[in-house]
N, C-alpha and C. Protein backbone atom coordinates (compact mmCIF):
# COMPACT_ATOMS: atom_id res chain seq x y z
N MET A 1 49.61 45.31 -36.05
CA MET A 1 48.33 44.73 -36.39
C MET A 1 48.05 45.02 -37.87
N THR A 2 47.53 44.03 -38.53
CA THR A 2 47.26 44.20 -39.96
C THR A 2 45.87 44.80 -40.16
N MET A 3 45.53 45.02 -41.37
CA MET A 3 44.27 45.68 -41.71
C MET A 3 43.06 44.80 -41.45
N PHE A 4 43.15 43.52 -41.69
CA PHE A 4 42.02 42.62 -41.55
C PHE A 4 41.49 42.53 -40.12
N PRO A 5 42.32 42.35 -39.10
CA PRO A 5 41.80 42.31 -37.73
C PRO A 5 41.17 43.64 -37.30
N ARG A 6 41.66 44.75 -37.81
CA ARG A 6 41.07 46.05 -37.49
C ARG A 6 39.67 46.17 -38.07
N VAL A 7 39.50 45.70 -39.28
CA VAL A 7 38.19 45.75 -39.93
C VAL A 7 37.21 44.87 -39.17
N ILE A 8 37.64 43.69 -38.77
CA ILE A 8 36.79 42.77 -38.00
C ILE A 8 36.40 43.42 -36.67
N ALA A 9 37.34 44.06 -35.99
CA ALA A 9 37.05 44.70 -34.71
C ALA A 9 36.05 45.85 -34.88
N VAL A 10 36.19 46.64 -35.94
CA VAL A 10 35.27 47.75 -36.19
C VAL A 10 33.88 47.23 -36.51
N VAL A 11 33.79 46.19 -37.33
CA VAL A 11 32.49 45.62 -37.68
C VAL A 11 31.82 45.04 -36.44
N ALA A 12 32.56 44.32 -35.63
CA ALA A 12 32.00 43.72 -34.42
C ALA A 12 31.51 44.80 -33.45
N ALA A 13 32.28 45.85 -33.27
CA ALA A 13 31.90 46.94 -32.37
C ALA A 13 30.66 47.65 -32.89
N SER A 14 30.59 47.88 -34.19
CA SER A 14 29.42 48.57 -34.73
C SER A 14 28.17 47.71 -34.62
N LEU A 15 28.30 46.39 -34.77
CA LEU A 15 27.15 45.50 -34.60
C LEU A 15 26.66 45.50 -33.16
N LEU A 16 27.58 45.47 -32.21
CA LEU A 16 27.20 45.46 -30.80
C LEU A 16 26.56 46.78 -30.38
N LEU A 17 27.14 47.87 -30.80
CA LEU A 17 26.62 49.18 -30.41
C LEU A 17 25.39 49.57 -31.23
N GLY A 18 25.32 49.14 -32.47
CA GLY A 18 24.18 49.46 -33.32
C GLY A 18 22.93 48.70 -32.94
N ALA A 19 23.05 47.54 -32.33
CA ALA A 19 21.90 46.73 -31.94
C ALA A 19 21.06 47.42 -30.88
N THR A 20 21.69 48.20 -30.03
CA THR A 20 20.92 48.88 -28.98
C THR A 20 20.04 49.98 -29.57
N ALA A 21 20.44 50.56 -30.66
CA ALA A 21 19.63 51.60 -31.29
C ALA A 21 18.36 51.01 -31.88
N PHE A 22 18.42 49.81 -32.39
CA PHE A 22 17.25 49.17 -32.98
C PHE A 22 16.37 48.50 -31.93
N ALA A 23 16.87 48.32 -30.73
CA ALA A 23 16.11 47.65 -29.68
C ALA A 23 15.10 48.58 -29.01
N GLN A 24 15.22 49.88 -29.19
CA GLN A 24 14.31 50.82 -28.54
C GLN A 24 12.97 50.85 -29.25
N ALA A 25 11.91 50.92 -28.46
CA ALA A 25 10.56 50.98 -29.02
C ALA A 25 10.24 52.41 -29.43
N PRO A 26 9.46 52.59 -30.47
CA PRO A 26 9.09 53.95 -30.86
C PRO A 26 8.16 54.58 -29.83
N ALA A 27 8.24 55.88 -29.69
CA ALA A 27 7.44 56.61 -28.71
C ALA A 27 6.16 57.11 -29.37
N THR A 28 5.21 56.20 -29.61
CA THR A 28 3.95 56.61 -30.23
C THR A 28 2.86 56.86 -29.21
N GLU A 29 2.99 56.36 -28.01
CA GLU A 29 1.94 56.50 -27.00
C GLU A 29 2.09 57.76 -26.16
N ALA A 30 3.20 58.40 -26.17
CA ALA A 30 3.44 59.56 -25.32
C ALA A 30 2.49 60.72 -25.62
N PRO A 31 2.26 61.10 -26.89
CA PRO A 31 1.33 62.21 -27.12
C PRO A 31 -0.09 61.91 -26.66
N ALA A 32 -0.54 60.66 -26.82
CA ALA A 32 -1.89 60.31 -26.37
C ALA A 32 -1.99 60.41 -24.86
N ALA A 33 -0.97 59.96 -24.17
CA ALA A 33 -0.98 60.03 -22.71
C ALA A 33 -0.95 61.48 -22.23
N ALA A 34 -0.20 62.32 -22.93
CA ALA A 34 -0.11 63.73 -22.54
C ALA A 34 -1.44 64.43 -22.74
N SER A 35 -2.12 64.14 -23.85
CA SER A 35 -3.41 64.80 -24.08
C SER A 35 -4.45 64.30 -23.09
N LYS A 36 -4.38 63.04 -22.73
CA LYS A 36 -5.32 62.49 -21.74
C LYS A 36 -5.08 63.14 -20.38
N ALA A 37 -3.82 63.32 -20.03
CA ALA A 37 -3.49 63.96 -18.75
C ALA A 37 -3.97 65.40 -18.73
N ALA A 38 -3.82 66.10 -19.85
CA ALA A 38 -4.27 67.49 -19.92
C ALA A 38 -5.79 67.57 -19.80
N SER A 39 -6.48 66.64 -20.45
CA SER A 39 -7.93 66.61 -20.38
C SER A 39 -8.41 66.34 -18.96
N THR A 40 -7.75 65.41 -18.29
CA THR A 40 -8.10 65.08 -16.91
C THR A 40 -7.85 66.28 -16.00
N ALA A 41 -6.76 67.00 -16.24
CA ALA A 41 -6.45 68.17 -15.42
C ALA A 41 -7.51 69.26 -15.61
N LYS A 42 -7.98 69.45 -16.84
CA LYS A 42 -9.01 70.45 -17.09
C LYS A 42 -10.30 70.08 -16.38
N LYS A 43 -10.67 68.81 -16.43
CA LYS A 43 -11.90 68.36 -15.76
C LYS A 43 -11.78 68.55 -14.26
N ALA A 44 -10.62 68.23 -13.71
CA ALA A 44 -10.42 68.38 -12.27
C ALA A 44 -10.52 69.84 -11.87
N HIS A 45 -9.98 70.73 -12.70
CA HIS A 45 -10.04 72.16 -12.39
C HIS A 45 -11.49 72.65 -12.41
N LYS A 46 -12.26 72.21 -13.41
CA LYS A 46 -13.67 72.61 -13.48
C LYS A 46 -14.43 72.08 -12.28
N THR A 47 -14.15 70.84 -11.89
CA THR A 47 -14.83 70.23 -10.75
C THR A 47 -14.50 70.99 -9.47
N GLN A 48 -13.23 71.34 -9.29
CA GLN A 48 -12.83 72.09 -8.10
C GLN A 48 -13.51 73.45 -8.07
N LYS A 49 -13.59 74.09 -9.24
CA LYS A 49 -14.23 75.40 -9.31
C LYS A 49 -15.70 75.30 -8.96
N ALA A 50 -16.38 74.28 -9.48
CA ALA A 50 -17.80 74.08 -9.19
C ALA A 50 -18.00 73.76 -7.72
N GLN A 51 -17.13 72.92 -7.17
CA GLN A 51 -17.26 72.57 -5.76
C GLN A 51 -17.05 73.79 -4.87
N LYS A 52 -16.12 74.65 -5.25
CA LYS A 52 -15.86 75.84 -4.46
C LYS A 52 -17.09 76.74 -4.47
N ALA A 53 -17.71 76.91 -5.64
CA ALA A 53 -18.90 77.73 -5.74
C ALA A 53 -20.05 77.10 -4.96
N ASN A 54 -20.20 75.79 -5.09
CA ASN A 54 -21.26 75.10 -4.36
C ASN A 54 -21.04 75.16 -2.86
N SER A 55 -19.81 75.00 -2.42
CA SER A 55 -19.56 75.02 -0.99
C SER A 55 -19.77 76.42 -0.42
N THR A 56 -19.46 77.44 -1.19
CA THR A 56 -19.69 78.82 -0.74
C THR A 56 -21.19 79.06 -0.57
N ALA A 57 -21.97 78.63 -1.56
CA ALA A 57 -23.43 78.79 -1.48
C ALA A 57 -23.98 77.97 -0.32
N SER A 58 -23.46 76.79 -0.16
CA SER A 58 -23.93 75.91 0.92
C SER A 58 -23.66 76.54 2.29
N LEU A 59 -22.48 77.12 2.44
CA LEU A 59 -22.15 77.75 3.72
C LEU A 59 -23.05 78.95 4.00
N GLU A 60 -23.31 79.73 2.96
CA GLU A 60 -24.19 80.89 3.14
C GLU A 60 -25.60 80.45 3.51
N CYS A 61 -26.08 79.41 2.85
CA CYS A 61 -27.43 78.90 3.15
C CYS A 61 -27.49 78.33 4.56
N THR A 62 -26.42 77.69 4.98
CA THR A 62 -26.37 77.14 6.35
C THR A 62 -26.41 78.27 7.37
N LYS A 63 -25.67 79.33 7.10
CA LYS A 63 -25.67 80.47 8.02
C LYS A 63 -27.06 81.10 8.12
N GLU A 64 -27.74 81.22 6.97
CA GLU A 64 -29.09 81.78 6.98
C GLU A 64 -30.05 80.88 7.75
N ALA A 65 -29.92 79.57 7.56
CA ALA A 65 -30.78 78.62 8.27
C ALA A 65 -30.54 78.70 9.78
N ASP A 66 -29.28 78.84 10.16
CA ASP A 66 -28.95 78.98 11.58
C ASP A 66 -29.55 80.26 12.14
N ALA A 67 -29.45 81.36 11.38
CA ALA A 67 -29.98 82.64 11.83
C ALA A 67 -31.49 82.57 12.01
N LYS A 68 -32.16 81.80 11.17
CA LYS A 68 -33.61 81.66 11.27
C LYS A 68 -34.01 80.60 12.29
N GLY A 69 -33.04 79.87 12.80
CA GLY A 69 -33.32 78.85 13.81
C GLY A 69 -34.04 77.63 13.25
N LEU A 70 -33.82 77.32 11.99
CA LEU A 70 -34.51 76.18 11.36
C LEU A 70 -33.84 74.87 11.75
N ARG A 71 -34.67 73.85 11.95
CA ARG A 71 -34.18 72.52 12.30
C ARG A 71 -34.98 71.48 11.53
N GLY A 72 -34.38 70.31 11.32
CA GLY A 72 -35.10 69.17 10.73
C GLY A 72 -35.48 69.38 9.28
N LYS A 73 -36.73 69.00 8.97
CA LYS A 73 -37.21 69.05 7.58
C LYS A 73 -37.28 70.46 7.04
N GLU A 74 -37.64 71.43 7.90
CA GLU A 74 -37.71 72.81 7.45
C GLU A 74 -36.34 73.32 7.03
N ARG A 75 -35.34 72.96 7.81
CA ARG A 75 -33.96 73.36 7.50
C ARG A 75 -33.51 72.75 6.17
N LYS A 76 -33.79 71.46 6.00
CA LYS A 76 -33.39 70.75 4.79
C LYS A 76 -34.05 71.38 3.56
N LYS A 77 -35.34 71.68 3.68
CA LYS A 77 -36.09 72.28 2.58
C LYS A 77 -35.54 73.68 2.26
N PHE A 78 -35.30 74.47 3.31
CA PHE A 78 -34.79 75.83 3.12
C PHE A 78 -33.43 75.81 2.43
N ARG A 79 -32.53 74.93 2.89
CA ARG A 79 -31.19 74.85 2.30
C ARG A 79 -31.25 74.41 0.84
N ALA A 80 -32.13 73.46 0.53
CA ALA A 80 -32.26 73.00 -0.86
C ALA A 80 -32.72 74.13 -1.77
N GLU A 81 -33.72 74.90 -1.31
CA GLU A 81 -34.23 76.02 -2.11
C GLU A 81 -33.16 77.12 -2.23
N CYS A 82 -32.47 77.38 -1.15
CA CYS A 82 -31.44 78.42 -1.15
C CYS A 82 -30.30 78.05 -2.11
N LYS A 83 -29.86 76.80 -2.09
CA LYS A 83 -28.78 76.37 -2.99
C LYS A 83 -29.23 76.37 -4.44
N ALA A 84 -30.50 76.04 -4.67
CA ALA A 84 -31.03 76.07 -6.04
C ALA A 84 -31.03 77.49 -6.57
N LYS A 85 -31.40 78.45 -5.73
CA LYS A 85 -31.39 79.86 -6.14
C LYS A 85 -29.96 80.32 -6.42
N ALA A 86 -29.02 79.87 -5.60
CA ALA A 86 -27.62 80.27 -5.78
C ALA A 86 -27.03 79.67 -7.05
N ALA A 87 -27.52 78.52 -7.47
CA ALA A 87 -27.00 77.86 -8.66
C ALA A 87 -27.50 78.50 -9.95
N GLN A 88 -28.62 79.22 -9.86
CA GLN A 88 -29.17 79.87 -11.04
C GLN A 88 -28.30 81.06 -11.43
N PRO A 89 -28.07 81.24 -12.76
CA PRO A 89 -27.29 82.41 -13.18
C PRO A 89 -28.08 83.70 -12.97
N ASN A 90 -27.37 84.76 -12.70
CA ASN A 90 -28.02 86.05 -12.44
C ASN A 90 -28.57 86.66 -13.68
């Protein structure tokens, strides 16, 4: 094989293989998506923490209402006041 066909083969191969490198899109959206996911995870953690605290207070207030034998509107009022007191910082 002479030199000219080898050069043509190398040029053709480099054009075919090099085209795939230019066809890829730049990764500019990945950092924004990662920060959004982290922000969402932080919010979810805070929400879960607040719900856990609220559910604990709610359960305690329910137990107290049961112990007092409250029913209906009195029970609802007592639980609302009890949960409000539990939500206040010490």
